Amino acid sequence: MGDETLRKNMAAAIRIVLEEGLRKTDDPITYLRSAAEEIRELVDLFERSGWSGRMDGAAIRAMLVDEVEAATREMIRRLHH
């Protein structure tokens, strides 16, 4: 799977999960910020655990963080407008 296809699939999955969570929360801004922080912590945990032995893994983790943060920023912006 190419990087661009992986990024698009990852972005779509992230948005589905975040949007589902938004439907279930009373405080959408806090939910989105918390979700983004949890992903960052998960990626940090992978880095510290030694699981990240492959360069491909590092690229995927970077994509994951980028896509979660982008989706979160977009959803927060929509909530404010």
N, C-alpha and C. Protein backbone atom coordinates (compact mmCIF):
# COMPACT_ATOMS: atom_id res chain seq x y z
N MET A 1 0.86 -1.17 0.00
CA MET A 1 0.00 0.00 0.00
C MET A 1 0.90 1.23 0.00
N GLY A 2 0.64 2.17 -0.89
CA GLY A 2 1.42 3.39 -0.97
C GLY A 2 1.15 4.32 0.19
N ASP A 3 2.09 5.23 0.45
CA ASP A 3 1.95 6.17 1.56
C ASP A 3 0.68 7.00 1.45
N GLU A 4 0.37 7.49 0.26
CA GLU A 4 -0.80 8.35 0.10
C GLU A 4 -2.09 7.56 0.34
N THR A 5 -2.17 6.34 -0.14
CA THR A 5 -3.35 5.50 0.10
C THR A 5 -3.48 5.18 1.58
N LEU A 6 -2.36 4.86 2.22
CA LEU A 6 -2.37 4.59 3.65
C LEU A 6 -2.86 5.81 4.42
N ARG A 7 -2.35 6.98 4.07
CA ARG A 7 -2.74 8.22 4.75
C ARG A 7 -4.24 8.48 4.58
N LYS A 8 -4.77 8.29 3.37
CA LYS A 8 -6.20 8.51 3.12
C LYS A 8 -7.06 7.53 3.91
N ASN A 9 -6.67 6.26 3.92
CA ASN A 9 -7.42 5.26 4.68
C ASN A 9 -7.38 5.55 6.17
N MET A 10 -6.20 5.93 6.65
CA MET A 10 -6.03 6.26 8.06
C MET A 10 -6.89 7.48 8.42
N ALA A 11 -6.86 8.50 7.58
CA ALA A 11 -7.64 9.71 7.83
C ALA A 11 -9.13 9.39 7.88
N ALA A 12 -9.60 8.57 6.97
CA ALA A 12 -11.02 8.20 6.96
C ALA A 12 -11.41 7.45 8.22
N ALA A 13 -10.58 6.51 8.64
CA ALA A 13 -10.88 5.74 9.85
C ALA A 13 -10.86 6.63 11.08
N ILE A 14 -9.89 7.53 11.16
CA ILE A 14 -9.79 8.44 12.30
C ILE A 14 -11.04 9.31 12.38
N ARG A 15 -11.45 9.86 11.26
CA ARG A 15 -12.63 10.73 11.26
C ARG A 15 -13.89 9.98 11.67
N ILE A 16 -14.04 8.75 11.24
CA ILE A 16 -15.20 7.95 11.63
C ILE A 16 -15.22 7.76 13.14
N VAL A 17 -14.08 7.40 13.72
CA VAL A 17 -14.01 7.17 15.16
C VAL A 17 -14.27 8.46 15.93
N LEU A 18 -13.64 9.56 15.52
CA LEU A 18 -13.83 10.83 16.22
C LEU A 18 -15.28 11.31 16.10
N GLU A 19 -15.87 11.19 14.92
CA GLU A 19 -17.25 11.63 14.75
C GLU A 19 -18.22 10.78 15.58
N GLU A 20 -17.95 9.50 15.71
CA GLU A 20 -18.79 8.65 16.56
C GLU A 20 -18.68 9.10 18.01
N GLY A 21 -17.47 9.38 18.45
CA GLY A 21 -17.28 9.88 19.82
C GLY A 21 -17.97 11.21 20.05
N LEU A 22 -17.97 12.07 19.05
CA LEU A 22 -18.64 13.37 19.17
C LEU A 22 -20.14 13.21 19.42
N ARG A 23 -20.73 12.20 18.82
CA ARG A 23 -22.17 11.98 19.01
C ARG A 23 -22.50 11.55 20.44
N LYS A 24 -21.51 11.05 21.15
CA LYS A 24 -21.76 10.49 22.48
C LYS A 24 -21.29 11.39 23.62
N THR A 25 -20.74 12.56 23.32
CA THR A 25 -20.18 13.39 24.37
C THR A 25 -20.99 14.66 24.60
N ASP A 26 -20.93 15.15 25.82
CA ASP A 26 -21.57 16.42 26.15
C ASP A 26 -20.64 17.60 25.91
N ASP A 27 -19.33 17.33 25.84
CA ASP A 27 -18.33 18.40 25.67
C ASP A 27 -17.42 18.05 24.49
N PRO A 28 -17.84 18.40 23.28
CA PRO A 28 -17.10 17.98 22.09
C PRO A 28 -15.67 18.51 22.01
N ILE A 29 -15.43 19.74 22.43
CA ILE A 29 -14.08 20.31 22.35
C ILE A 29 -13.13 19.54 23.25
N THR A 30 -13.54 19.30 24.48
CA THR A 30 -12.71 18.55 25.42
C THR A 30 -12.48 17.13 24.90
N TYR A 31 -13.52 16.53 24.35
CA TYR A 31 -13.39 15.18 23.79
C TYR A 31 -12.33 15.14 22.70
N LEU A 32 -12.40 16.06 21.75
CA LEU A 32 -11.46 16.06 20.63
C LEU A 32 -10.04 16.31 21.09
N ARG A 33 -9.86 17.25 22.00
CA ARG A 33 -8.51 17.52 22.51
C ARG A 33 -7.97 16.32 23.26
N SER A 34 -8.80 15.69 24.04
CA SER A 34 -8.39 14.50 24.79
C SER A 34 -8.03 13.35 23.85
N ALA A 35 -8.81 13.16 22.81
CA ALA A 35 -8.53 12.09 21.85
C ALA A 35 -7.19 12.31 21.17
N ALA A 36 -6.91 13.54 20.77
CA ALA A 36 -5.63 13.84 20.12
C ALA A 36 -4.48 13.59 21.09
N GLU A 37 -4.64 13.98 22.33
CA GLU A 37 -3.58 13.78 23.33
C GLU A 37 -3.35 12.29 23.59
N GLU A 38 -4.42 11.51 23.65
CA GLU A 38 -4.27 10.07 23.87
C GLU A 38 -3.51 9.41 22.73
N ILE A 39 -3.74 9.84 21.51
CA ILE A 39 -3.00 9.28 20.37
C ILE A 39 -1.53 9.64 20.48
N ARG A 40 -1.23 10.90 20.84
CA ARG A 40 0.17 11.28 21.02
C ARG A 40 0.84 10.41 22.07
N GLU A 41 0.14 10.18 23.19
CA GLU A 41 0.69 9.34 24.26
C GLU A 41 0.91 7.91 23.78
N LEU A 42 0.00 7.38 23.00
CA LEU A 42 0.14 6.03 22.46
C LEU A 42 1.36 5.92 21.56
N VAL A 43 1.54 6.90 20.71
CA VAL A 43 2.71 6.91 19.83
C VAL A 43 3.99 7.00 20.65
N ASP A 44 4.00 7.85 21.68
CA ASP A 44 5.17 7.95 22.56
C ASP A 44 5.46 6.61 23.24
N LEU A 45 4.41 5.91 23.66
CA LEU A 45 4.58 4.61 24.29
C LEU A 45 5.22 3.62 23.32
N PHE A 46 4.77 3.60 22.08
CA PHE A 46 5.39 2.74 21.07
C PHE A 46 6.87 3.06 20.92
N GLU A 47 7.19 4.34 20.90
CA GLU A 47 8.60 4.75 20.76
C GLU A 47 9.44 4.24 21.92
N ARG A 48 8.94 4.38 23.14
CA ARG A 48 9.70 3.99 24.33
C ARG A 48 9.77 2.47 24.51
N SER A 49 8.80 1.75 23.99
CA SER A 49 8.74 0.31 24.22
C SER A 49 9.69 -0.48 23.32
N GLY A 50 10.27 0.18 22.33
CA GLY A 50 11.15 -0.53 21.42
C GLY A 50 10.39 -1.20 20.29
N TRP A 51 9.07 -1.07 20.28
CA TRP A 51 8.25 -1.65 19.21
C TRP A 51 8.58 -1.03 17.87
N SER A 52 9.19 0.14 17.93
CA SER A 52 9.40 0.93 16.71
C SER A 52 10.68 0.56 15.98
N GLY A 53 11.01 -0.69 15.91
CA GLY A 53 12.26 -1.10 15.29
C GLY A 53 12.33 -0.89 13.79
N ARG A 54 11.20 -0.77 13.14
CA ARG A 54 11.20 -0.62 11.67
C ARG A 54 10.95 0.82 11.27
N MET A 55 11.64 1.24 10.24
CA MET A 55 11.46 2.60 9.73
C MET A 55 10.02 2.81 9.25
N ASP A 56 9.41 1.77 8.65
CA ASP A 56 8.03 1.88 8.20
C ASP A 56 7.11 2.22 9.36
N GLY A 57 7.37 1.62 10.51
CA GLY A 57 6.56 1.89 11.69
C GLY A 57 6.63 3.35 12.10
N ALA A 58 7.82 3.93 12.02
CA ALA A 58 7.98 5.35 12.37
C ALA A 58 7.18 6.23 11.42
N ALA A 59 7.20 5.91 10.16
CA ALA A 59 6.45 6.71 9.18
C ALA A 59 4.95 6.58 9.42
N ILE A 60 4.49 5.39 9.72
CA ILE A 60 3.07 5.18 9.98
C ILE A 60 2.64 5.93 11.24
N ARG A 61 3.45 5.87 12.28
CA ARG A 61 3.11 6.59 13.51
C ARG A 61 3.06 8.10 13.27
N ALA A 62 4.00 8.61 12.49
CA ALA A 62 3.99 10.04 12.17
C ALA A 62 2.73 10.42 11.40
N MET A 63 2.33 9.57 10.44
CA MET A 63 1.09 9.81 9.70
C MET A 63 -0.11 9.81 10.65
N LEU A 64 -0.13 8.86 11.56
CA LEU A 64 -1.24 8.75 12.50
C LEU A 64 -1.39 10.03 13.31
N VAL A 65 -0.30 10.50 13.88
CA VAL A 65 -0.36 11.72 14.68
C VAL A 65 -0.81 12.89 13.81
N ASP A 66 -0.23 13.03 12.62
CA ASP A 66 -0.60 14.13 11.73
C ASP A 66 -2.09 14.10 11.39
N GLU A 67 -2.60 12.93 11.07
CA GLU A 67 -4.00 12.82 10.66
C GLU A 67 -4.96 13.06 11.83
N VAL A 68 -4.62 12.56 13.02
CA VAL A 68 -5.48 12.80 14.18
C VAL A 68 -5.51 14.29 14.50
N GLU A 69 -4.35 14.92 14.49
CA GLU A 69 -4.31 16.35 14.79
C GLU A 69 -5.06 17.16 13.74
N ALA A 70 -4.91 16.81 12.47
CA ALA A 70 -5.62 17.54 11.41
C ALA A 70 -7.13 17.36 11.55
N ALA A 71 -7.57 16.14 11.79
CA ALA A 71 -9.01 15.88 11.94
C ALA A 71 -9.55 16.61 13.16
N THR A 72 -8.80 16.59 14.25
CA THR A 72 -9.24 17.25 15.47
C THR A 72 -9.36 18.76 15.27
N ARG A 73 -8.35 19.36 14.65
CA ARG A 73 -8.40 20.81 14.40
C ARG A 73 -9.60 21.17 13.52
N GLU A 74 -9.83 20.38 12.48
CA GLU A 74 -10.95 20.66 11.58
C GLU A 74 -12.29 20.54 12.31
N MET A 75 -12.45 19.52 13.12
CA MET A 75 -13.71 19.32 13.84
C MET A 75 -13.93 20.41 14.88
N ILE A 76 -12.88 20.83 15.57
CA ILE A 76 -13.00 21.93 16.54
C ILE A 76 -13.39 23.21 15.82
N ARG A 77 -12.77 23.47 14.67
CA ARG A 77 -13.10 24.66 13.89
C ARG A 77 -14.58 24.64 13.48
N ARG A 78 -15.07 23.47 13.06
CA ARG A 78 -16.49 23.36 12.68
C ARG A 78 -17.40 23.62 13.86
N LEU A 79 -17.00 23.16 15.04
CA LEU A 79 -17.83 23.36 16.23
C LEU A 79 -17.89 24.83 16.64
N HIS A 80 -16.83 25.56 16.36
CA HIS A 80 -16.79 26.98 16.71
C HIS A 80 -17.55 27.86 15.72
N HIS A 81 -17.84 27.35 14.54
CA HIS A 81 -18.51 28.18 13.53
C HIS A 81 -19.95 27.84 13.40
